[in-house]
N, C-alpha and C. Protein backbone atom coordinates (compact mmCIF):
# COMPACT_ATOMS: atom_id res chain seq x y z
N MET A 1 -32.33 4.04 11.99
CA MET A 1 -32.01 3.91 13.40
C MET A 1 -30.69 3.18 13.51
N SER A 2 -29.77 3.72 14.24
CA SER A 2 -28.49 3.06 14.40
C SER A 2 -28.49 2.32 15.73
N GLY A 3 -27.67 1.27 15.80
CA GLY A 3 -27.58 0.49 17.03
C GLY A 3 -28.58 -0.63 17.04
N PRO A 4 -28.56 -1.40 18.12
CA PRO A 4 -29.47 -2.55 18.21
C PRO A 4 -30.92 -2.11 18.41
N PRO A 5 -31.86 -2.98 18.07
CA PRO A 5 -33.26 -2.66 18.32
C PRO A 5 -33.49 -2.38 19.80
N GLN A 6 -34.46 -1.53 20.09
CA GLN A 6 -34.77 -1.18 21.47
C GLN A 6 -36.15 -1.71 21.84
N ASP A 7 -36.24 -2.21 23.07
CA ASP A 7 -37.51 -2.69 23.59
C ASP A 7 -38.17 -1.60 24.42
N TYR A 8 -39.48 -1.48 24.30
CA TYR A 8 -40.26 -0.52 25.07
C TYR A 8 -41.40 -1.24 25.74
N SER A 9 -41.62 -0.96 27.02
CA SER A 9 -42.75 -1.52 27.74
C SER A 9 -43.91 -0.54 27.67
N VAL A 10 -45.11 -1.07 27.61
CA VAL A 10 -46.30 -0.24 27.52
C VAL A 10 -47.21 -0.57 28.69
N ARG A 11 -47.70 0.49 29.35
CA ARG A 11 -48.68 0.32 30.43
C ARG A 11 -49.90 1.15 30.07
N LEU A 12 -51.05 0.57 30.23
CA LEU A 12 -52.31 1.27 29.97
C LEU A 12 -52.97 1.58 31.30
N ARG A 13 -53.55 2.76 31.39
CA ARG A 13 -54.24 3.15 32.60
C ARG A 13 -55.63 3.66 32.24
N SER A 14 -56.62 3.07 32.85
CA SER A 14 -58.00 3.50 32.65
C SER A 14 -58.38 4.40 33.82
N LEU A 15 -58.91 5.56 33.52
CA LEU A 15 -59.27 6.51 34.57
C LEU A 15 -60.75 6.57 34.85
N SER A 16 -61.54 6.03 33.95
CA SER A 16 -62.97 6.15 34.14
C SER A 16 -63.65 4.89 33.62
N PRO A 17 -64.58 4.31 34.26
CA PRO A 17 -65.13 4.67 35.56
C PRO A 17 -64.30 4.11 36.72
N VAL A 18 -63.42 3.15 36.46
CA VAL A 18 -62.61 2.55 37.52
C VAL A 18 -61.14 2.79 37.20
N ASP A 19 -60.36 3.14 38.19
CA ASP A 19 -58.93 3.39 38.00
C ASP A 19 -58.18 2.06 38.01
N ARG A 20 -57.63 1.66 36.86
CA ARG A 20 -56.90 0.40 36.74
C ARG A 20 -55.65 0.61 35.89
N VAL A 21 -54.64 -0.17 36.18
CA VAL A 21 -53.42 -0.17 35.40
C VAL A 21 -53.16 -1.60 34.97
N ALA A 22 -52.84 -1.79 33.68
CA ALA A 22 -52.56 -3.12 33.18
C ALA A 22 -51.40 -3.06 32.21
N SER A 23 -50.62 -4.10 32.18
CA SER A 23 -49.51 -4.17 31.23
C SER A 23 -50.07 -4.51 29.86
N ALA A 24 -49.59 -3.81 28.87
CA ALA A 24 -50.02 -4.10 27.50
C ALA A 24 -48.93 -4.85 26.76
N GLY A 25 -47.92 -5.27 27.49
CA GLY A 25 -46.86 -6.05 26.88
C GLY A 25 -45.69 -5.19 26.48
N LYS A 26 -44.98 -5.68 25.46
CA LYS A 26 -43.74 -5.05 25.04
C LYS A 26 -43.70 -5.03 23.52
N PHE A 27 -43.06 -4.00 22.96
CA PHE A 27 -42.85 -3.98 21.52
C PHE A 27 -41.40 -3.60 21.25
N THR A 28 -40.91 -3.94 20.07
CA THR A 28 -39.52 -3.67 19.70
C THR A 28 -39.50 -2.77 18.48
N VAL A 29 -38.70 -1.72 18.53
CA VAL A 29 -38.50 -0.85 17.38
C VAL A 29 -37.25 -1.34 16.67
N THR A 30 -37.42 -1.76 15.43
CA THR A 30 -36.28 -2.30 14.69
C THR A 30 -35.74 -1.33 13.64
N ALA A 31 -36.57 -0.42 13.19
CA ALA A 31 -36.13 0.55 12.18
C ALA A 31 -37.02 1.78 12.26
N VAL A 32 -36.44 2.91 11.93
CA VAL A 32 -37.18 4.16 11.90
C VAL A 32 -36.94 4.79 10.53
N ASP A 33 -38.02 5.15 9.84
CA ASP A 33 -37.87 5.83 8.56
C ASP A 33 -37.22 7.18 8.77
N SER A 34 -36.29 7.51 7.92
CA SER A 34 -35.70 8.84 8.03
C SER A 34 -36.69 9.84 7.47
N VAL A 35 -36.83 10.94 8.14
CA VAL A 35 -37.77 11.98 7.74
C VAL A 35 -36.97 13.24 7.46
N ASP A 36 -37.24 13.83 6.33
CA ASP A 36 -36.62 15.11 6.01
C ASP A 36 -37.41 16.18 6.76
N LEU A 37 -36.87 16.63 7.90
CA LEU A 37 -37.60 17.57 8.74
C LEU A 37 -37.95 18.86 8.02
N ALA A 38 -37.16 19.26 7.05
CA ALA A 38 -37.44 20.50 6.32
C ALA A 38 -38.76 20.40 5.56
N ARG A 39 -39.22 19.18 5.27
CA ARG A 39 -40.49 19.03 4.55
C ARG A 39 -41.70 19.13 5.47
N LEU A 40 -41.48 19.14 6.79
CA LEU A 40 -42.59 19.32 7.71
C LEU A 40 -43.00 20.79 7.71
N PRO A 41 -44.28 21.08 7.56
CA PRO A 41 -44.71 22.48 7.51
C PRO A 41 -44.73 23.11 8.90
N PRO A 42 -44.74 24.43 8.94
CA PRO A 42 -44.99 25.11 10.21
C PRO A 42 -46.42 24.79 10.68
N THR A 43 -46.63 24.90 11.97
CA THR A 43 -47.97 24.73 12.53
C THR A 43 -48.87 25.86 12.04
N ARG A 44 -50.14 25.61 11.94
CA ARG A 44 -51.14 26.60 11.52
C ARG A 44 -51.30 27.67 12.61
N VAL A 45 -51.32 28.94 12.22
CA VAL A 45 -51.63 30.03 13.14
C VAL A 45 -53.12 29.95 13.45
N THR A 46 -53.47 29.93 14.74
CA THR A 46 -54.88 29.75 15.12
C THR A 46 -55.48 30.96 15.83
N ASP A 47 -54.65 31.98 16.08
CA ASP A 47 -55.14 33.13 16.85
C ASP A 47 -54.91 34.46 16.14
N PHE A 48 -54.96 34.45 14.80
CA PHE A 48 -54.74 35.66 14.01
C PHE A 48 -55.89 36.64 14.26
N GLY A 49 -55.55 37.89 14.54
CA GLY A 49 -56.57 38.91 14.76
C GLY A 49 -56.12 40.26 14.26
N CYS A 50 -57.07 41.14 13.97
CA CYS A 50 -56.78 42.47 13.44
C CYS A 50 -57.67 43.50 14.12
N THR A 51 -57.10 44.69 14.31
CA THR A 51 -57.89 45.82 14.80
C THR A 51 -57.47 47.04 13.99
N VAL A 52 -58.41 47.98 13.84
CA VAL A 52 -58.13 49.22 13.13
C VAL A 52 -58.26 50.36 14.13
N ASN A 53 -57.26 51.23 14.17
CA ASN A 53 -57.31 52.44 14.98
C ASN A 53 -57.93 53.52 14.10
N ALA A 54 -59.15 53.93 14.41
CA ALA A 54 -59.87 54.89 13.57
C ALA A 54 -59.18 56.25 13.54
N THR A 55 -58.53 56.63 14.62
CA THR A 55 -57.86 57.93 14.68
C THR A 55 -56.62 57.97 13.80
N SER A 56 -55.79 56.95 13.92
CA SER A 56 -54.52 56.95 13.17
C SER A 56 -54.64 56.27 11.81
N GLY A 57 -55.70 55.50 11.59
CA GLY A 57 -55.85 54.77 10.34
C GLY A 57 -54.88 53.62 10.21
N ARG A 58 -54.40 53.10 11.35
CA ARG A 58 -53.43 52.02 11.35
C ARG A 58 -54.14 50.68 11.57
N LEU A 59 -53.67 49.68 10.87
CA LEU A 59 -54.18 48.32 10.98
C LEU A 59 -53.16 47.51 11.79
N ARG A 60 -53.61 46.92 12.89
CA ARG A 60 -52.71 46.14 13.73
C ARG A 60 -53.11 44.68 13.65
N MET A 61 -52.15 43.84 13.24
CA MET A 61 -52.36 42.40 13.15
C MET A 61 -51.55 41.73 14.25
N ARG A 62 -52.11 40.69 14.86
CA ARG A 62 -51.40 40.00 15.92
C ARG A 62 -51.69 38.50 15.85
N TRP A 63 -50.70 37.72 16.26
CA TRP A 63 -50.82 36.28 16.30
C TRP A 63 -49.67 35.72 17.13
N THR A 64 -49.70 34.43 17.38
CA THR A 64 -48.62 33.76 18.09
C THR A 64 -47.73 33.08 17.06
N SER A 65 -46.42 33.29 17.19
CA SER A 65 -45.48 32.72 16.23
C SER A 65 -45.53 31.20 16.25
N VAL A 66 -45.19 30.62 15.12
CA VAL A 66 -45.14 29.15 14.98
C VAL A 66 -43.73 28.73 14.60
N GLY A 67 -43.48 27.44 14.61
CA GLY A 67 -42.15 26.92 14.33
C GLY A 67 -41.87 26.77 12.85
N ASP A 68 -40.61 26.50 12.54
CA ASP A 68 -40.18 26.26 11.16
C ASP A 68 -40.67 24.89 10.68
N GLN A 69 -40.58 23.90 11.56
CA GLN A 69 -41.15 22.58 11.33
C GLN A 69 -42.08 22.30 12.50
N LEU A 70 -43.38 22.33 12.22
CA LEU A 70 -44.41 22.20 13.25
C LEU A 70 -44.18 23.28 14.32
N ASP A 71 -43.97 22.90 15.58
CA ASP A 71 -43.76 23.90 16.62
C ASP A 71 -42.29 24.06 16.99
N SER A 72 -41.41 23.50 16.20
CA SER A 72 -39.98 23.55 16.51
C SER A 72 -39.30 24.69 15.76
N GLY A 73 -38.50 25.47 16.48
CA GLY A 73 -37.76 26.56 15.85
C GLY A 73 -38.61 27.79 15.62
N ALA A 74 -38.32 28.49 14.52
CA ALA A 74 -39.01 29.73 14.19
C ALA A 74 -39.31 29.76 12.70
N ALA A 75 -40.54 30.08 12.34
CA ALA A 75 -40.91 30.19 10.92
C ALA A 75 -40.02 31.22 10.24
N SER A 76 -39.68 30.99 8.99
CA SER A 76 -38.81 31.90 8.24
C SER A 76 -39.50 33.21 7.90
N ARG A 77 -40.78 33.12 7.53
CA ARG A 77 -41.54 34.34 7.22
C ARG A 77 -43.02 34.05 7.27
N TYR A 78 -43.80 35.12 7.23
CA TYR A 78 -45.25 35.03 7.25
C TYR A 78 -45.81 35.74 6.03
N LEU A 79 -46.75 35.09 5.36
CA LEU A 79 -47.42 35.67 4.21
C LEU A 79 -48.82 36.10 4.64
N ILE A 80 -49.12 37.36 4.47
CA ILE A 80 -50.43 37.89 4.86
C ILE A 80 -51.16 38.32 3.59
N ARG A 81 -52.40 37.88 3.44
CA ARG A 81 -53.20 38.20 2.26
C ARG A 81 -54.54 38.77 2.70
N ALA A 82 -55.14 39.57 1.82
CA ALA A 82 -56.43 40.20 2.09
C ALA A 82 -57.34 40.04 0.90
N SER A 83 -58.64 40.02 1.17
CA SER A 83 -59.63 39.96 0.10
C SER A 83 -60.97 40.44 0.64
N ALA A 84 -61.76 41.06 -0.23
CA ALA A 84 -63.13 41.41 0.12
C ALA A 84 -64.02 40.17 0.04
N ASN A 85 -63.49 39.10 -0.53
CA ASN A 85 -64.22 37.85 -0.69
C ASN A 85 -63.59 36.78 0.20
N ARG A 86 -64.27 36.46 1.29
CA ARG A 86 -63.72 35.49 2.24
C ARG A 86 -63.47 34.13 1.59
N SER A 87 -64.37 33.70 0.75
CA SER A 87 -64.22 32.40 0.08
C SER A 87 -62.96 32.36 -0.78
N LEU A 88 -62.70 33.45 -1.50
CA LEU A 88 -61.48 33.52 -2.32
C LEU A 88 -60.25 33.38 -1.44
N LEU A 89 -60.24 34.07 -0.33
CA LEU A 89 -59.10 34.02 0.58
C LEU A 89 -58.89 32.60 1.09
N GLU A 90 -59.97 31.93 1.45
CA GLU A 90 -59.86 30.58 1.99
C GLU A 90 -59.51 29.54 0.94
N LEU A 91 -60.05 29.70 -0.27
CA LEU A 91 -59.85 28.69 -1.30
C LEU A 91 -58.65 28.93 -2.20
N ASP A 92 -58.26 30.18 -2.36
CA ASP A 92 -57.14 30.50 -3.26
C ASP A 92 -56.29 31.61 -2.65
N PHE A 93 -55.66 31.31 -1.54
CA PHE A 93 -54.87 32.26 -0.77
C PHE A 93 -53.83 32.96 -1.65
N ALA A 94 -53.16 32.23 -2.51
CA ALA A 94 -52.08 32.79 -3.33
C ALA A 94 -52.56 33.90 -4.26
N SER A 95 -53.82 33.85 -4.70
CA SER A 95 -54.30 34.87 -5.64
C SER A 95 -54.90 36.09 -4.95
N ALA A 96 -55.05 36.03 -3.62
CA ALA A 96 -55.56 37.19 -2.88
C ALA A 96 -54.48 38.27 -2.83
N ASP A 97 -54.90 39.50 -2.53
CA ASP A 97 -53.97 40.63 -2.46
C ASP A 97 -53.00 40.48 -1.30
N ASP A 98 -51.76 40.94 -1.52
CA ASP A 98 -50.81 41.00 -0.41
C ASP A 98 -51.40 41.91 0.65
N GLY A 99 -51.49 41.45 1.87
CA GLY A 99 -52.09 42.22 2.94
C GLY A 99 -51.12 43.18 3.60
N ALA A 100 -49.86 42.85 3.59
CA ALA A 100 -48.87 43.71 4.23
C ALA A 100 -47.50 43.36 3.69
N ALA A 101 -46.72 44.38 3.44
CA ALA A 101 -45.36 44.18 2.95
C ALA A 101 -44.40 44.65 4.02
N ALA A 102 -43.99 43.74 4.86
CA ALA A 102 -43.07 44.09 5.94
C ALA A 102 -42.23 42.87 6.28
N GLN A 103 -41.00 43.10 6.63
CA GLN A 103 -40.12 42.02 7.06
C GLN A 103 -40.24 41.89 8.57
N LEU A 104 -40.64 40.73 9.02
CA LEU A 104 -40.80 40.49 10.45
C LEU A 104 -39.60 39.70 10.97
N PRO A 105 -39.21 39.96 12.19
CA PRO A 105 -38.11 39.17 12.75
C PRO A 105 -38.55 37.72 12.95
N SER A 106 -37.60 36.81 12.83
CA SER A 106 -37.87 35.40 13.07
C SER A 106 -37.76 35.16 14.57
N VAL A 107 -38.85 34.76 15.19
CA VAL A 107 -38.85 34.53 16.64
C VAL A 107 -39.30 33.10 16.93
N PRO A 108 -38.83 32.53 18.04
CA PRO A 108 -39.19 31.15 18.37
C PRO A 108 -40.70 30.96 18.49
N SER A 109 -41.12 29.76 18.24
CA SER A 109 -42.53 29.39 18.33
C SER A 109 -43.10 29.74 19.71
N GLY A 110 -44.34 30.25 19.70
CA GLY A 110 -45.03 30.55 20.94
C GLY A 110 -44.92 31.99 21.40
N GLN A 111 -44.21 32.83 20.66
CA GLN A 111 -44.02 34.23 21.04
C GLN A 111 -45.08 35.11 20.36
N PRO A 112 -45.51 36.19 21.02
CA PRO A 112 -46.49 37.09 20.38
C PRO A 112 -45.87 37.84 19.21
N MET A 113 -46.61 37.94 18.12
CA MET A 113 -46.18 38.67 16.92
C MET A 113 -47.16 39.81 16.70
N THR A 114 -46.65 40.98 16.30
CA THR A 114 -47.50 42.12 15.99
C THR A 114 -46.95 42.81 14.75
N LEU A 115 -47.82 43.17 13.86
CA LEU A 115 -47.45 43.94 12.68
C LEU A 115 -48.47 45.07 12.55
N GLU A 116 -47.98 46.29 12.50
CA GLU A 116 -48.86 47.45 12.36
C GLU A 116 -48.51 48.17 11.07
N VAL A 117 -49.52 48.45 10.28
CA VAL A 117 -49.32 49.12 8.99
C VAL A 117 -50.37 50.21 8.82
N ALA A 118 -50.07 51.15 7.93
CA ALA A 118 -51.06 52.17 7.56
C ALA A 118 -52.08 51.49 6.67
N ALA A 119 -53.28 51.36 7.14
CA ALA A 119 -54.31 50.61 6.41
C ALA A 119 -54.54 51.17 5.01
N ALA A 120 -54.59 52.47 4.87
CA ALA A 120 -54.86 53.07 3.56
C ALA A 120 -53.71 52.82 2.58
N ASP A 121 -52.48 52.74 3.07
CA ASP A 121 -51.34 52.49 2.19
C ASP A 121 -51.26 51.03 1.76
N GLU A 122 -51.50 50.14 2.69
CA GLU A 122 -51.34 48.72 2.42
C GLU A 122 -52.56 48.09 1.76
N LEU A 123 -53.74 48.64 2.00
CA LEU A 123 -54.97 48.03 1.52
C LEU A 123 -55.85 49.05 0.80
N PRO A 124 -55.32 49.71 -0.23
CA PRO A 124 -56.07 50.80 -0.87
C PRO A 124 -57.32 50.37 -1.61
N SER A 125 -57.42 49.10 -1.98
CA SER A 125 -58.58 48.67 -2.76
C SER A 125 -59.78 48.31 -1.88
N TYR A 126 -59.69 48.55 -0.59
CA TYR A 126 -60.79 48.24 0.32
C TYR A 126 -61.21 49.50 1.07
N PRO A 127 -61.77 50.49 0.38
CA PRO A 127 -62.03 51.77 1.04
C PRO A 127 -63.15 51.75 2.08
N SER A 128 -64.20 51.02 1.85
CA SER A 128 -65.31 51.12 2.80
C SER A 128 -66.08 49.82 2.95
N VAL A 129 -65.45 48.71 2.69
CA VAL A 129 -66.13 47.43 2.83
C VAL A 129 -65.46 46.61 3.91
N THR A 130 -66.15 45.60 4.34
CA THR A 130 -65.51 44.63 5.22
C THR A 130 -64.57 43.79 4.36
N PHE A 131 -63.36 43.61 4.82
CA PHE A 131 -62.43 42.74 4.11
C PHE A 131 -61.86 41.73 5.09
N TYR A 132 -61.21 40.72 4.55
CA TYR A 132 -60.76 39.59 5.34
C TYR A 132 -59.26 39.42 5.16
N LEU A 133 -58.60 39.06 6.24
CA LEU A 133 -57.16 38.82 6.21
C LEU A 133 -56.87 37.44 6.80
N ALA A 134 -55.80 36.83 6.32
CA ALA A 134 -55.34 35.56 6.87
C ALA A 134 -53.82 35.51 6.69
N VAL A 135 -53.20 34.59 7.40
CA VAL A 135 -51.75 34.46 7.35
C VAL A 135 -51.37 32.99 7.18
N ARG A 136 -50.26 32.78 6.50
CA ARG A 136 -49.64 31.45 6.40
C ARG A 136 -48.17 31.61 6.74
N ALA A 137 -47.65 30.70 7.52
CA ALA A 137 -46.23 30.69 7.84
C ALA A 137 -45.48 29.91 6.77
N ASN A 138 -44.24 30.30 6.54
CA ASN A 138 -43.39 29.67 5.54
C ASN A 138 -42.12 29.22 6.23
N ASN A 139 -41.67 27.99 5.99
CA ASN A 139 -40.44 27.54 6.63
C ASN A 139 -39.23 27.74 5.72
N SER A 140 -38.07 27.36 6.21
CA SER A 140 -36.82 27.60 5.49
C SER A 140 -36.73 26.84 4.17
N ALA A 141 -37.53 25.79 4.00
CA ALA A 141 -37.54 25.03 2.75
C ALA A 141 -38.66 25.49 1.82
N GLY A 142 -39.39 26.54 2.21
CA GLY A 142 -40.47 27.05 1.38
C GLY A 142 -41.79 26.32 1.55
N VAL A 143 -41.90 25.47 2.56
CA VAL A 143 -43.15 24.75 2.82
C VAL A 143 -44.07 25.65 3.63
N LEU A 144 -45.32 25.77 3.17
CA LEU A 144 -46.30 26.65 3.82
C LEU A 144 -47.15 25.90 4.84
N SER A 145 -47.54 26.63 5.88
CA SER A 145 -48.48 26.09 6.85
C SER A 145 -49.88 26.09 6.24
N GLN A 146 -50.81 25.50 6.95
CA GLN A 146 -52.22 25.63 6.57
C GLN A 146 -52.64 27.08 6.82
N LEU A 147 -53.72 27.48 6.19
CA LEU A 147 -54.25 28.83 6.35
C LEU A 147 -54.67 29.06 7.79
N SER A 148 -54.36 30.24 8.30
CA SER A 148 -54.78 30.62 9.66
C SER A 148 -56.29 30.80 9.71
N ASN A 149 -56.77 31.09 10.89
CA ASN A 149 -58.15 31.55 11.00
C ASN A 149 -58.25 32.88 10.24
N VAL A 150 -59.43 33.23 9.78
CA VAL A 150 -59.63 34.44 8.98
C VAL A 150 -60.16 35.56 9.88
N ALA A 151 -59.55 36.74 9.78
CA ALA A 151 -59.99 37.90 10.56
C ALA A 151 -60.73 38.86 9.64
N ALA A 152 -61.85 39.41 10.12
CA ALA A 152 -62.64 40.38 9.35
C ALA A 152 -62.37 41.77 9.90
N VAL A 153 -62.20 42.75 8.98
CA VAL A 153 -61.90 44.12 9.37
C VAL A 153 -62.71 45.06 8.48
N GLN A 154 -63.16 46.19 9.07
CA GLN A 154 -63.80 47.24 8.29
C GLN A 154 -63.01 48.52 8.51
N LEU A 155 -62.61 49.16 7.42
CA LEU A 155 -61.74 50.34 7.52
C LEU A 155 -62.48 51.62 7.84
N THR A 156 -63.72 51.75 7.43
CA THR A 156 -64.42 53.02 7.66
C THR A 156 -65.29 52.94 8.89
N MET A 157 -65.51 54.07 9.48
CA MET A 157 -66.36 54.16 10.65
C MET A 157 -67.81 54.34 10.20
N PRO A 158 -68.76 53.90 11.01
CA PRO A 158 -70.17 54.09 10.65
C PRO A 158 -70.52 55.57 10.53
N ASP A 159 -71.51 55.89 9.70
CA ASP A 159 -71.93 57.29 9.50
C ASP A 159 -72.63 57.87 10.71
N ASN A 160 -73.11 57.01 11.60
CA ASN A 160 -73.92 57.51 12.72
C ASN A 160 -73.12 57.63 14.01
N LEU A 161 -71.86 57.96 13.96
CA LEU A 161 -71.04 58.07 15.16
C LEU A 161 -71.60 59.11 16.14
N ALA A 162 -72.06 60.23 15.64
CA ALA A 162 -72.61 61.26 16.51
C ALA A 162 -73.84 60.75 17.26
N GLU A 163 -74.66 59.95 16.59
CA GLU A 163 -75.86 59.41 17.20
C GLU A 163 -75.56 58.44 18.33
N ILE A 164 -74.49 57.69 18.19
CA ILE A 164 -74.18 56.69 19.23
C ILE A 164 -73.23 57.24 20.27
N GLY A 165 -72.83 58.50 20.16
CA GLY A 165 -72.06 59.16 21.21
C GLY A 165 -70.59 58.86 21.20
N VAL A 166 -70.01 58.63 20.05
CA VAL A 166 -68.57 58.38 19.99
C VAL A 166 -67.84 59.64 19.59
């Protein structure tokens, strides 16, 4: 921190059960540790979802973009992985199969992201089982976010479509 120490006043307000305001005094900031912002990870994606279009065989993934450092800026890239084993995906994301190979534009945090791929081309080892996908954001320094929520997808349609009137 450059310059003289700064004083800050603190006020506490209780809202329940009685509305009161009281002074909590004053504190002085004398030094601030320098933080290498590039080491801060992107925020975790929390709304990752997938749908399969049975007619076209396309897999559509969607989520809200995150920042390069927490919610600031734009993540450099997104890593998407797939596995028939949810536990493997959650515990060892790096060893799961690449879920999609596509370059996505870098967009500011909070924007909707969509990636659509041919499911059979991108995920050939999952012909008729439920599989799981997740995403991790990567920042410009190579720091990864925490694992997103996991989305479950099934590529094949049920055998009884005629019976249920589809």
